[in-house]
Amino acid sequence: MATNLFSGDFEIVSFGYLHGTAPEADATYDVRRYLRDPAAVRAAGLLDSDGRDPVVQQVVLDTPGASETIAAALKFAFGFPQARRCVIAFGCAGGRHRSAALAEVMADDLRHLGFTVTVRHQHIHLPRVVCPADDTNS
């Protein structure tokens, strides 16, 4: 088990703002404005995939700002002072690509460090939200 001030476990949540309000969390990262939507690039063939797919995860991680977002979330998590479950949420437009990929990658990072992690994808099962290809907030 990794050693830090935190002695609880983690819940990582992905969700889509187009499906409702953000879930209750200790920290929420809204990535709509600064991480491009991999599904918006229709030629990439990722529209029907989701963030559990390693290809989608790699495309999201290759986006400027993605690694820094994970690093910031990990820094928050490792400094979490409570002996209770730490909930971290990632939100994008539809909750299928960016937020789900970040949640999966962060969960993998924490598991590799020996932590107990639960991942909850609130909206990954819902029909995809298709926005115009030039909409950077999709």
C-alpha atoms as a PDB file:
ATOM      1  CA  MET A   1       0.000   0.000   0.000  1.00  0.00           C
ATOM      2  CA  ALA A   2       1.288   3.441  -0.868  1.00  0.00           C
ATOM      3  CA  THR A   3       2.128   5.665   2.081  1.00  0.00           C
ATOM      4  CA  ASN A   4       0.622   9.142   2.432  1.00  0.00           C
ATOM      5  CA  LEU A   5      -1.838  11.011   4.622  1.00  0.00           C
ATOM      6  CA  PHE A   6      -4.774   9.315   2.943  1.00  0.00           C
ATOM      7  CA  SER A   7      -5.952   6.092   4.519  1.00  0.00           C
ATOM      8  CA  GLY A   8      -9.302   5.538   2.792  1.00  0.00           C
ATOM      9  CA  ASP A   9     -10.141   4.306  -0.648  1.00  0.00           C
ATOM     10  CA  PHE A  10     -11.078   6.051  -3.881  1.00  0.00           C
ATOM     11  CA  GLU A  11     -14.130   6.406  -6.051  1.00  0.00           C
ATOM     12  CA  ILE A  12     -13.541   7.879  -9.501  1.00  0.00           C
ATOM     13  CA  VAL A  13     -16.667   9.056 -11.334  1.00  0.00           C
ATOM     14  CA  SER A  14     -17.141  10.000 -14.975  1.00  0.00           C
ATOM     15  CA  PHE A  15     -20.208  11.873 -16.147  1.00  0.00           C
ATOM     16  CA  GLY A  16     -21.605  14.100 -18.877  1.00  0.00           C
ATOM     17  CA  TYR A  17     -22.850  17.610 -18.188  1.00  0.00           C
ATOM     18  CA  LEU A  18     -25.390  17.290 -21.025  1.00  0.00           C
ATOM     19  CA  HIS A  19     -27.161  14.612 -18.971  1.00  0.00           C
ATOM     20  CA  GLY A  20     -27.571  16.611 -15.756  1.00  0.00           C
ATOM     21  CA  THR A  21     -25.654  18.175 -12.924  1.00  0.00           C
ATOM     22  CA  ALA A  22     -22.266  17.079 -11.674  1.00  0.00           C
ATOM     23  CA  PRO A  23     -22.269  14.337  -9.028  1.00  0.00           C
ATOM     24  CA  GLU A  24     -21.284  15.131  -5.481  1.00  0.00           C
ATOM     25  CA  ALA A  25     -17.498  14.749  -5.205  1.00  0.00           C
ATOM     26  CA  ASP A  26     -14.547  15.978  -3.201  1.00  0.00           C
ATOM     27  CA  ALA A  27     -12.994  17.307  -6.427  1.00  0.00           C
ATOM     28  CA  THR A  28     -14.553  17.737  -9.880  1.00  0.00           C
ATOM     29  CA  TYR A  29     -12.628  18.344 -13.101  1.00  0.00           C
ATOM     30  CA  ASP A  30     -14.629  19.850 -15.975  1.00  0.00           C
ATOM     31  CA  VAL A  31     -12.615  19.081 -19.122  1.00  0.00           C
ATOM     32  CA  ARG A  32     -15.113  20.337 -21.740  1.00  0.00           C
ATOM     33  CA  ARG A  33     -13.278  23.556 -22.509  1.00  0.00           C
ATOM     34  CA  TYR A  34      -9.697  22.382 -22.670  1.00  0.00           C
ATOM     35  CA  LEU A  35      -9.578  18.747 -23.814  1.00  0.00           C
ATOM     36  CA  ARG A  36     -10.731  18.130 -27.360  1.00  0.00           C
ATOM     37  CA  ASP A  37     -13.359  15.462 -27.844  1.00  0.00           C
ATOM     38  CA  PRO A  38     -11.849  12.453 -29.637  1.00  0.00           C
ATOM     39  CA  ALA A  39     -15.294  11.568 -31.003  1.00  0.00           C
ATOM     40  CA  ALA A  40     -15.502  14.959 -32.725  1.00  0.00           C
ATOM     41  CA  VAL A  41     -12.850  13.780 -35.180  1.00  0.00           C
ATOM     42  CA  ARG A  42     -15.210  11.596 -37.184  1.00  0.00           C
ATOM     43  CA  ALA A  43     -12.367  10.126 -39.271  1.00  0.00           C
ATOM     44  CA  ALA A  44     -10.751   8.659 -36.137  1.00  0.00           C
ATOM     45  CA  GLY A  45     -13.561   6.093 -35.883  1.00  0.00           C
ATOM     46  CA  LEU A  46     -13.983   6.579 -32.132  1.00  0.00           C
ATOM     47  CA  LEU A  47     -17.559   7.847 -32.108  1.00  0.00           C
ATOM     48  CA  ASP A  48     -19.017   4.492 -31.080  1.00  0.00           C
ATOM     49  CA  SER A  49     -16.194   3.646 -28.669  1.00  0.00           C
ATOM     50  CA  ASP A  50     -15.919   4.910 -25.112  1.00  0.00           C
ATOM     51  CA  GLY A  51     -13.264   5.748 -22.534  1.00  0.00           C
ATOM     52  CA  ARG A  52     -12.844   2.136 -21.436  1.00  0.00           C
ATOM     53  CA  ASP A  53     -11.249   1.437 -24.824  1.00  0.00           C
ATOM     54  CA  PRO A  54      -7.425   1.703 -24.664  1.00  0.00           C
ATOM     55  CA  VAL A  55      -7.385   3.466 -28.056  1.00  0.00           C
ATOM     56  CA  VAL A  56      -9.712   6.182 -26.750  1.00  0.00           C
ATOM     57  CA  GLN A  57      -7.628   6.450 -23.579  1.00  0.00           C
ATOM     58  CA  GLN A  58      -4.465   6.983 -25.625  1.00  0.00           C
ATOM     59  CA  VAL A  59      -6.106   9.621 -27.833  1.00  0.00           C
ATOM     60  CA  VAL A  60      -7.315  11.474 -24.733  1.00  0.00           C
ATOM     61  CA  LEU A  61      -3.905  11.190 -23.030  1.00  0.00           C
ATOM     62  CA  ASP A  62      -2.238  12.551 -26.169  1.00  0.00           C
ATOM     63  CA  THR A  63      -4.373  15.696 -25.879  1.00  0.00           C
ATOM     64  CA  PRO A  64      -2.493  18.652 -24.367  1.00  0.00           C
ATOM     65  CA  GLY A  65      -3.606  19.091 -20.760  1.00  0.00           C
ATOM     66  CA  ALA A  66      -4.807  15.526 -20.143  1.00  0.00           C
ATOM     67  CA  SER A  67      -1.722  14.285 -18.295  1.00  0.00           C
ATOM     68  CA  GLU A  68      -1.643  17.484 -16.259  1.00  0.00           C
ATOM     69  CA  THR A  69      -5.290  16.954 -15.292  1.00  0.00           C
ATOM     70  CA  ILE A  70      -4.539  13.451 -14.041  1.00  0.00           C
ATOM     71  CA  ALA A  71      -1.476  14.752 -12.167  1.00  0.00           C
ATOM     72  CA  ALA A  72      -3.578  17.466 -10.495  1.00  0.00           C
ATOM     73  CA  ALA A  73      -6.254  14.950  -9.510  1.00  0.00           C
ATOM     74  CA  LEU A  74      -3.623  12.579  -8.102  1.00  0.00           C
ATOM     75  CA  LYS A  75      -2.026  15.419  -6.146  1.00  0.00           C
ATOM     76  CA  PHE A  76      -5.415  16.277  -4.665  1.00  0.00           C
ATOM     77  CA  ALA A  77      -6.100  12.622  -3.851  1.00  0.00           C
ATOM     78  CA  PHE A  78      -2.751  12.048  -2.188  1.00  0.00           C
ATOM     79  CA  GLY A  79      -3.238  15.100   0.011  1.00  0.00           C
ATOM     80  CA  PHE A  80      -6.773  14.166   0.988  1.00  0.00           C
ATOM     81  CA  PRO A  81      -6.682  14.313   4.814  1.00  0.00           C
ATOM     82  CA  GLN A  82      -9.759  12.273   5.665  1.00  0.00           C
ATOM     83  CA  ALA A  83      -9.898   8.614   6.606  1.00  0.00           C
ATOM     84  CA  ARG A  84     -12.907   8.130   4.349  1.00  0.00           C
ATOM     85  CA  ARG A  85     -13.622   7.528   0.692  1.00  0.00           C
ATOM     86  CA  CYS A  86     -12.212  10.235  -1.585  1.00  0.00           C
ATOM     87  CA  VAL A  87     -14.499  10.873  -4.568  1.00  0.00           C
ATOM     88  CA  ILE A  88     -13.022  12.468  -7.682  1.00  0.00           C
ATOM     89  CA  ALA A  89     -15.205  13.258 -10.689  1.00  0.00           C
ATOM     90  CA  PHE A  90     -14.315  13.984 -14.305  1.00  0.00           C
ATOM     91  CA  GLY A  91     -16.945  15.612 -16.497  1.00  0.00           C
ATOM     92  CA  CYS A  92     -17.160  16.190 -20.230  1.00  0.00           C
ATOM     93  CA  ALA A  93     -20.128  16.831 -22.516  1.00  0.00           C
ATOM     94  CA  GLY A  94     -21.617  13.356 -22.933  1.00  0.00           C
ATOM     95  CA  GLY A  95     -19.661  11.319 -20.381  1.00  0.00           C
ATOM     96  CA  ARG A  96     -18.510   8.672 -22.867  1.00  0.00           C
ATOM     97  CA  HIS A  97     -15.004   9.628 -24.013  1.00  0.00           C
ATOM     98  CA  ARG A  98     -12.855  12.212 -22.199  1.00  0.00           C
ATOM     99  CA  SER A  99     -14.246  11.853 -18.677  1.00  0.00           C
ATOM    100  CA  ALA A 100     -14.463   8.061 -18.870  1.00  0.00           C
ATOM    101  CA  ALA A 101     -10.910   7.757 -20.227  1.00  0.00           C
ATOM    102  CA  LEU A 102      -9.497  10.012 -17.498  1.00  0.00           C
ATOM    103  CA  ALA A 103     -11.383   8.059 -14.829  1.00  0.00           C
ATOM    104  CA  GLU A 104     -10.048   4.738 -16.107  1.00  0.00           C
ATOM    105  CA  VAL A 105      -6.458   5.984 -16.389  1.00  0.00           C
ATOM    106  CA  MET A 106      -6.480   7.542 -12.923  1.00  0.00           C
ATOM    107  CA  ALA A 107      -7.997   4.387 -11.445  1.00  0.00           C
ATOM    108  CA  ASP A 108      -5.274   2.281 -13.071  1.00  0.00           C
ATOM    109  CA  ASP A 109      -2.595   4.608 -11.687  1.00  0.00           C
ATOM    110  CA  LEU A 110      -4.025   4.314  -8.165  1.00  0.00           C
ATOM    111  CA  ARG A 111      -4.419   0.539  -8.380  1.00  0.00           C
ATOM    112  CA  HIS A 112      -0.790   0.197  -9.451  1.00  0.00           C
ATOM    113  CA  LEU A 113       0.114   2.034  -6.245  1.00  0.00           C
ATOM    114  CA  GLY A 114      -1.876  -0.467  -4.193  1.00  0.00           C
ATOM    115  CA  PHE A 115      -5.026   1.547  -3.512  1.00  0.00           C
ATOM    116  CA  THR A 116      -8.587   0.253  -3.592  1.00  0.00           C
ATOM    117  CA  VAL A 117     -10.480   2.044  -6.364  1.00  0.00           C
ATOM    118  CA  THR A 118     -14.062   1.970  -7.564  1.00  0.00           C
ATOM    119  CA  VAL A 119     -14.899   3.472 -10.961  1.00  0.00           C
ATOM    120  CA  ARG A 120     -18.433   4.631 -11.692  1.00  0.00           C
ATOM    121  CA  HIS A 121     -19.382   5.762 -15.184  1.00  0.00           C
ATOM    122  CA  GLN A 122     -22.701   7.585 -14.753  1.00  0.00           C
ATOM    123  CA  HIS A 123     -23.529   8.188 -18.406  1.00  0.00           C
ATOM    124  CA  ILE A 124     -21.328   5.906 -20.490  1.00  0.00           C
ATOM    125  CA  HIS A 125     -24.317   3.665 -21.256  1.00  0.00           C
ATOM    126  CA  LEU A 126     -26.465   6.489 -22.636  1.00  0.00           C
ATOM    127  CA  PRO A 127     -26.773   7.215 -26.351  1.00  0.00           C
ATOM    128  CA  ARG A 128     -23.899   9.336 -27.587  1.00  0.00           C
ATOM    129  CA  VAL A 129     -24.325  13.083 -27.874  1.00  0.00           C
ATOM    130  CA  VAL A 130     -23.373  14.146 -31.389  1.00  0.00           C
ATOM    131  CA  CYS A 131     -22.303  17.762 -31.738  1.00  0.00           C
ATOM    132  CA  PRO A 132     -21.002  19.583 -34.821  1.00  0.00           C
ATOM    133  CA  ALA A 133     -17.408  18.565 -35.635  1.00  0.00           C
ATOM    134  CA  ASP A 134     -16.121  22.081 -35.018  1.00  0.00           C
ATOM    135  CA  ASP A 135     -17.654  22.328 -31.528  1.00  0.00           C
ATOM    136  CA  THR A 136     -14.668  22.263 -29.153  1.00  0.00           C
ATOM    137  CA  ASN A 137     -16.968  21.983 -26.138  1.00  0.00           C
ATOM    138  CA  SER A 138     -18.558  18.695 -27.238  1.00  0.00           C
END
